[in-house]
N, C-alpha and C. Protein backbone atom coordinates (compact mmCIF):
# COMPACT_ATOMS: atom_id res chain seq x y z
N MET A 1 111.13 -5.80 41.50
CA MET A 1 111.44 -6.38 42.60
C MET A 1 110.26 -7.38 43.00
N ASP A 2 110.71 -8.54 43.45
CA ASP A 2 110.25 -9.93 43.64
C ASP A 2 109.82 -10.31 45.16
N VAL A 3 108.59 -10.27 45.61
CA VAL A 3 107.99 -10.72 47.09
C VAL A 3 107.48 -12.08 46.86
N LYS A 4 108.07 -12.88 48.06
CA LYS A 4 107.71 -14.19 48.18
C LYS A 4 107.35 -14.10 49.46
N VAL A 5 106.22 -14.53 50.05
CA VAL A 5 105.71 -14.46 51.49
C VAL A 5 105.21 -16.41 51.70
N HIS A 6 106.11 -16.65 52.54
CA HIS A 6 105.97 -18.35 52.83
C HIS A 6 104.80 -18.56 53.94
N VAL A 7 103.82 -18.28 53.83
CA VAL A 7 103.12 -18.55 54.92
C VAL A 7 102.69 -20.05 55.44
N SER A 8 102.61 -20.71 54.10
CA SER A 8 102.21 -22.35 54.76
C SER A 8 103.49 -23.06 55.51
N THR A 9 104.68 -22.64 54.73
CA THR A 9 105.93 -23.27 55.29
C THR A 9 106.25 -22.55 56.64
N GLY A 10 105.63 -21.37 56.70
CA GLY A 10 106.47 -20.40 58.14
C GLY A 10 107.55 -19.83 58.20
N ALA A 11 108.08 -19.85 56.96
CA ALA A 11 109.75 -19.40 56.12
C ALA A 11 109.59 -18.15 56.53
N GLY A 12 108.81 -17.18 56.23
CA GLY A 12 108.82 -15.52 56.32
C GLY A 12 108.58 -15.21 54.71
N VAL A 13 109.64 -14.01 54.75
CA VAL A 13 108.95 -13.24 53.48
C VAL A 13 110.70 -13.11 53.01
N ASP A 14 110.54 -13.22 51.81
CA ASP A 14 111.88 -12.94 51.21
C ASP A 14 111.63 -11.96 49.99
N ILE A 15 112.34 -10.94 49.69
CA ILE A 15 112.56 -10.00 48.76
C ILE A 15 113.59 -9.62 47.76
N ALA A 16 113.57 -9.97 46.82
CA ALA A 16 114.68 -9.48 45.94
C ALA A 16 114.35 -8.09 45.14
N TRP A 17 115.18 -7.28 45.86
CA TRP A 17 115.02 -5.88 45.34
C TRP A 17 115.70 -5.39 43.62
N SER A 18 114.87 -4.31 43.33
CA SER A 18 115.55 -3.88 42.09
C SER A 18 116.70 -3.65 41.94
N ASP A 19 117.57 -3.29 43.19
CA ASP A 19 119.14 -3.18 42.83
C ASP A 19 120.10 -4.47 43.10
N GLY A 20 119.19 -5.49 43.25
CA GLY A 20 119.96 -6.72 43.35
C GLY A 20 120.20 -7.61 44.83
N HIS A 21 119.77 -6.10 45.43
CA HIS A 21 119.66 -6.85 46.96
C HIS A 21 118.99 -8.26 47.15
N THR A 22 118.96 -8.69 48.30
CA THR A 22 117.88 -9.68 48.78
C THR A 22 117.75 -9.31 50.23
N SER A 23 116.83 -9.76 50.72
CA SER A 23 116.28 -9.76 52.36
C SER A 23 115.60 -10.92 53.03
N HIS A 24 115.39 -11.19 53.70
CA HIS A 24 114.65 -12.40 54.31
C HIS A 24 114.45 -12.12 55.85
N PHE A 25 113.02 -12.19 55.87
CA PHE A 25 112.45 -11.76 57.14
C PHE A 25 111.61 -12.94 57.94
N ASP A 26 112.26 -13.42 58.81
CA ASP A 26 110.80 -14.22 59.32
C ASP A 26 110.06 -13.55 60.05
N PHE A 27 108.84 -14.22 60.44
CA PHE A 27 107.66 -13.53 60.98
C PHE A 27 107.95 -13.14 62.35
N VAL A 28 108.50 -13.70 63.29
CA VAL A 28 108.88 -13.35 64.46
C VAL A 28 109.43 -12.04 64.61
N TYR A 29 110.36 -11.62 63.42
CA TYR A 29 111.06 -10.36 63.44
C TYR A 29 110.23 -9.46 62.73
N LEU A 30 109.59 -9.68 61.94
CA LEU A 30 108.23 -8.90 61.41
C LEU A 30 107.43 -8.50 62.43
N ARG A 31 106.81 -9.24 63.69
CA ARG A 31 105.82 -9.06 64.36
C ARG A 31 106.12 -8.18 65.69
N GLU A 32 107.60 -8.43 65.86
CA GLU A 32 108.29 -7.36 66.67
C GLU A 32 108.40 -6.15 66.19
N LEU A 33 108.53 -6.22 65.03
CA LEU A 33 108.92 -4.49 64.43
C LEU A 33 107.94 -4.02 63.69
N CYS A 34 106.54 -4.39 64.18
CA CYS A 34 105.33 -4.05 63.13
C CYS A 34 105.30 -2.39 63.18
N PRO A 35 104.72 -1.95 62.51
CA PRO A 35 105.15 0.00 62.42
C PRO A 35 103.46 0.39 62.58
N CYS A 36 102.61 -0.36 63.27
CA CYS A 36 101.23 0.11 63.45
C CYS A 36 101.32 0.88 64.75
N ALA A 37 100.89 2.01 65.06
CA ALA A 37 100.85 2.89 65.68
C ALA A 37 100.53 2.45 67.62
N LEU A 38 99.75 1.11 67.32
CA LEU A 38 99.72 0.35 68.46
C LEU A 38 100.78 -0.01 69.26
N CYS A 39 101.87 -0.80 68.10
CA CYS A 39 102.88 -1.33 68.33
C CYS A 39 103.89 -0.29 68.72
N ASN A 40 103.95 0.43 67.98
CA ASN A 40 105.09 1.77 68.26
C ASN A 40 104.99 2.21 69.67
N ASP A 41 103.64 2.27 70.16
CA ASP A 41 103.41 2.98 71.54
C ASP A 41 103.91 2.07 72.45
N GLU A 42 103.76 0.38 72.51
CA GLU A 42 104.23 -0.26 73.16
C GLU A 42 105.69 -0.68 73.22
N ARG A 43 106.60 -0.46 71.97
CA ARG A 43 107.84 -0.49 72.10
C ARG A 43 108.33 0.97 72.93
N GLU A 44 107.74 2.03 72.85
CA GLU A 44 107.96 3.16 73.46
C GLU A 44 107.87 2.94 74.80
N LYS A 45 106.93 2.18 75.45
CA LYS A 45 106.46 1.94 76.76
C LYS A 45 107.53 1.20 77.49
N LYS A 46 107.91 0.05 76.72
CA LYS A 46 108.94 -1.13 77.08
C LYS A 46 110.14 -0.20 76.94
N GLY A 47 110.49 0.94 76.08
CA GLY A 47 111.99 1.33 76.23
C GLY A 47 111.79 2.27 77.66
N LYS A 48 110.84 2.81 77.69
CA LYS A 48 110.73 3.54 79.06
C LYS A 48 111.03 2.60 80.35
N PHE A 49 110.11 1.54 80.35
CA PHE A 49 110.15 0.51 81.43
C PHE A 49 111.83 -0.10 81.83
N SER A 50 112.16 -0.50 80.55
CA SER A 50 113.47 -0.94 80.66
C SER A 50 114.55 -0.07 81.01
N SER A 51 114.41 1.24 80.83
CA SER A 51 115.42 2.50 81.04
C SER A 51 115.10 2.53 82.76
N ALA A 52 113.73 2.51 82.99
CA ALA A 52 113.76 3.20 84.44
C ALA A 52 113.71 2.12 85.48
N THR A 53 113.52 0.67 85.00
CA THR A 53 113.99 -0.53 85.94
C THR A 53 115.46 -1.01 85.62
N GLY A 54 116.09 -0.30 84.85
CA GLY A 54 117.37 -0.98 84.58
C GLY A 54 117.33 -2.39 83.65
N GLY A 55 116.09 -2.76 83.28
CA GLY A 55 115.82 -3.60 82.24
C GLY A 55 115.44 -4.98 82.88
N SER A 56 115.11 -5.00 84.12
CA SER A 56 114.89 -6.07 84.73
C SER A 56 113.21 -6.71 84.87
N ALA A 57 113.00 -6.29 83.68
CA ALA A 57 111.29 -7.06 83.78
C ALA A 57 111.45 -8.30 83.53
N LEU A 58 110.64 -9.06 84.05
CA LEU A 58 110.58 -10.43 83.97
C LEU A 58 110.04 -10.86 82.71
N PRO A 59 110.96 -11.92 82.18
CA PRO A 59 110.38 -12.30 81.03
C PRO A 59 108.96 -13.20 80.65
N MET A 60 108.06 -12.74 79.88
CA MET A 60 106.82 -13.68 79.83
C MET A 60 106.96 -14.39 78.64
N PHE A 61 106.12 -15.82 78.82
CA PHE A 61 106.16 -16.84 77.92
C PHE A 61 105.11 -16.44 76.88
N LYS A 62 105.68 -16.24 75.57
CA LYS A 62 105.09 -16.08 74.17
C LYS A 62 105.32 -17.15 73.02
N ALA A 63 104.06 -17.58 72.88
CA ALA A 63 103.93 -18.68 71.90
C ALA A 63 105.02 -17.66 70.50
N ARG A 64 105.43 -19.02 69.72
CA ARG A 64 106.26 -18.36 68.60
C ARG A 64 104.85 -17.79 67.49
N VAL A 65 105.15 -16.68 66.90
CA VAL A 65 104.42 -16.01 66.23
C VAL A 65 104.54 -16.47 64.67
N THR A 66 103.62 -16.80 64.10
CA THR A 66 103.51 -17.31 62.51
C THR A 66 102.59 -16.24 61.93
N ALA A 67 102.61 -16.66 60.85
CA ALA A 67 101.49 -15.71 59.71
C ALA A 67 100.09 -16.62 59.24
N LYS A 68 98.92 -16.14 59.54
CA LYS A 68 97.82 -16.96 59.30
C LYS A 68 97.66 -16.57 57.48
N GLY A 69 98.16 -15.27 57.23
CA GLY A 69 97.58 -14.79 55.90
C GLY A 69 98.33 -13.93 55.43
N ALA A 70 98.74 -13.19 54.17
CA ALA A 70 99.06 -11.77 53.84
C ALA A 70 98.49 -11.49 52.72
N SER A 71 98.37 -10.58 52.53
CA SER A 71 98.10 -9.78 51.27
C SER A 71 98.88 -8.43 50.73
N ALA A 72 98.75 -8.05 49.52
CA ALA A 72 99.12 -6.95 49.16
C ALA A 72 98.24 -5.46 49.18
N VAL A 73 99.17 -4.58 49.49
CA VAL A 73 98.25 -3.08 49.72
C VAL A 73 99.05 -2.49 48.38
N GLY A 74 98.23 -2.41 47.77
CA GLY A 74 98.45 -1.58 46.33
C GLY A 74 99.54 -2.21 46.12
N ASN A 75 100.72 -1.24 45.35
CA ASN A 75 102.08 -1.55 45.11
C ASN A 75 102.92 -1.31 45.59
N TYR A 76 102.60 -0.59 47.11
CA TYR A 76 103.32 -0.30 47.87
C TYR A 76 103.91 -0.91 49.39
N ALA A 77 103.00 -2.05 49.58
CA ALA A 77 103.19 -2.54 50.97
C ALA A 77 102.18 -3.73 51.09
N LEU A 78 102.58 -4.50 52.38
CA LEU A 78 102.35 -5.87 52.43
C LEU A 78 101.62 -6.04 53.71
N SER A 79 100.69 -6.35 54.02
CA SER A 79 99.60 -6.57 55.09
C SER A 79 99.77 -7.84 55.62
N ILE A 80 100.06 -8.34 57.00
CA ILE A 80 100.22 -9.58 57.41
C ILE A 80 99.42 -9.94 58.52
N GLN A 81 98.49 -11.15 58.69
CA GLN A 81 97.86 -11.30 59.55
C GLN A 81 98.53 -12.45 60.45
N PHE A 82 98.97 -12.41 61.79
CA PHE A 82 99.61 -12.87 62.46
C PHE A 82 98.73 -13.96 63.19
N SER A 83 99.36 -14.83 63.99
CA SER A 83 98.66 -16.06 64.52
C SER A 83 98.51 -15.77 65.82
N ASP A 84 98.91 -14.48 66.42
CA ASP A 84 98.51 -14.08 67.68
C ASP A 84 97.16 -12.75 67.56
N GLY A 85 96.56 -13.12 66.09
CA GLY A 85 95.67 -11.91 66.02
C GLY A 85 95.96 -10.63 65.45
N HIS A 86 97.01 -10.17 65.54
CA HIS A 86 97.18 -8.70 65.17
C HIS A 86 97.39 -8.79 63.85
N ALA A 87 96.66 -7.92 62.87
CA ALA A 87 96.57 -7.71 61.50
C ALA A 87 96.49 -6.35 61.03
N THR A 88 96.92 -5.41 61.79
CA THR A 88 97.02 -3.64 61.68
C THR A 88 98.06 -3.28 60.95
N GLY A 89 99.30 -3.65 60.91
CA GLY A 89 100.36 -3.32 60.82
C GLY A 89 100.76 -3.45 59.18
N ILE A 90 100.75 -2.31 58.23
CA ILE A 90 101.02 -2.43 57.03
C ILE A 90 102.69 -2.06 56.75
N TYR A 91 103.08 -2.93 56.07
CA TYR A 91 104.64 -2.97 55.96
C TYR A 91 104.96 -2.24 54.34
N SER A 92 105.53 -1.16 54.61
CA SER A 92 105.81 -0.58 53.46
C SER A 92 106.88 -0.82 53.08
N PHE A 93 107.15 -1.33 51.50
CA PHE A 93 108.26 -1.89 50.81
C PHE A 93 109.69 -0.96 51.40
N GLU A 94 109.11 0.26 51.77
CA GLU A 94 110.45 1.38 52.11
C GLU A 94 110.48 0.98 53.67
N HIS A 95 109.71 0.76 54.27
CA HIS A 95 110.01 0.30 55.44
C HIS A 95 110.74 -1.00 55.93
N LEU A 96 110.36 -2.09 55.07
CA LEU A 96 110.90 -3.44 54.94
C LEU A 96 112.53 -3.17 54.70
N ARG A 97 112.82 -2.28 53.73
CA ARG A 97 114.15 -2.17 53.10
C ARG A 97 114.75 -1.62 54.68
N GLU A 98 114.30 -0.72 55.23
CA GLU A 98 115.12 -0.19 56.16
C GLU A 98 115.20 -1.05 57.41
N ILE A 99 114.33 -1.88 57.58
CA ILE A 99 114.41 -3.03 58.89
C ILE A 99 115.05 -4.26 58.31
N CYS A 100 115.39 -4.31 56.81
CA CYS A 100 116.39 -5.55 56.57
C CYS A 100 117.59 -6.00 57.57
N PRO A 101 117.28 -7.07 57.89
CA PRO A 101 118.31 -7.37 58.96
C PRO A 101 119.79 -7.54 58.42
N CYS A 102 120.04 -7.53 57.36
CA CYS A 102 121.50 -7.81 57.09
C CYS A 102 122.38 -6.58 57.60
N GLU A 103 123.49 -6.82 57.59
CA GLU A 103 124.71 -5.94 58.32
C GLU A 103 124.79 -4.89 57.06
N LYS A 104 124.51 -4.90 56.07
CA LYS A 104 124.75 -3.70 54.97
C LYS A 104 123.62 -2.87 55.42
N CYS A 105 122.58 -3.38 55.39
CA CYS A 105 121.72 -2.20 55.40
C CYS A 105 121.60 -2.02 57.00
N GLY A 106 121.90 -2.24 57.96
CA GLY A 106 121.91 -1.80 59.05
C GLY A 106 123.05 -0.72 58.91
N VAL A 107 124.16 -0.63 58.30
CA VAL A 107 124.85 0.44 58.38
C VAL A 107 124.26 1.65 57.40
N GLU A 108 123.64 1.15 56.33
CA GLU A 108 123.12 2.31 55.50
C GLU A 108 122.03 2.66 55.66
N PHE A 109 120.72 1.91 56.49
CA PHE A 109 119.66 2.81 56.91
C PHE A 109 119.82 2.98 58.33
N ARG A 110 120.04 2.39 59.18
CA ARG A 110 120.33 2.55 60.84
C ARG A 110 121.42 2.65 61.40
N GLY A 111 122.57 3.30 60.57
CA GLY A 111 123.92 3.78 61.11
C GLY A 111 124.49 3.08 61.76
N GLY A 112 124.23 1.77 61.55
CA GLY A 112 125.11 0.43 62.05
C GLY A 112 124.18 -0.36 63.05
N VAL A 113 123.01 0.25 63.71
CA VAL A 113 122.25 -0.08 64.39
C VAL A 113 121.60 -1.58 64.03
N THR A 114 121.65 -2.33 64.62
CA THR A 114 120.93 -4.03 64.53
C THR A 114 119.86 -4.21 65.29
N HIS A 115 118.80 -4.46 64.84
CA HIS A 115 117.43 -4.93 65.67
C HIS A 115 117.51 -6.24 66.26
N VAL A 116 117.51 -6.43 67.42
CA VAL A 116 117.50 -7.54 68.13
C VAL A 116 116.13 -8.11 68.43
N VAL A 117 116.03 -9.16 68.18
CA VAL A 117 114.54 -9.87 68.50
C VAL A 117 114.68 -11.05 69.15
N LYS A 118 113.97 -11.17 70.22
CA LYS A 118 113.98 -12.12 70.85
C LYS A 118 113.00 -13.52 70.36
N ASN A 119 113.09 -14.58 70.62
CA ASN A 119 112.05 -15.50 70.13
C ASN A 119 111.73 -15.95 71.37
């Protein structure tokens, strides 16, 4: 597996998996799908709010998230420090493969469900 994190250019994370598949993740996508407990709770609350209100919440302006830094967590994960100050998510390589935005991984890992991230 080959992992490249493009912090200085803001291009995101590129992974060449051992099975030959390649994935590209932009930082906005990764921030929106952060696996930490706080972010999971926030997504759950947003889901409940959207279903209770018919999804009519007013959109709020958010500056585009970039990465300020990244580091390896052992041989199994990646930690990213985002420009919004968030740095508690640990992205295991297993999790990254499951959230790969390509259609093939959507079918294989999420039953055809794609993640939609709004910029």
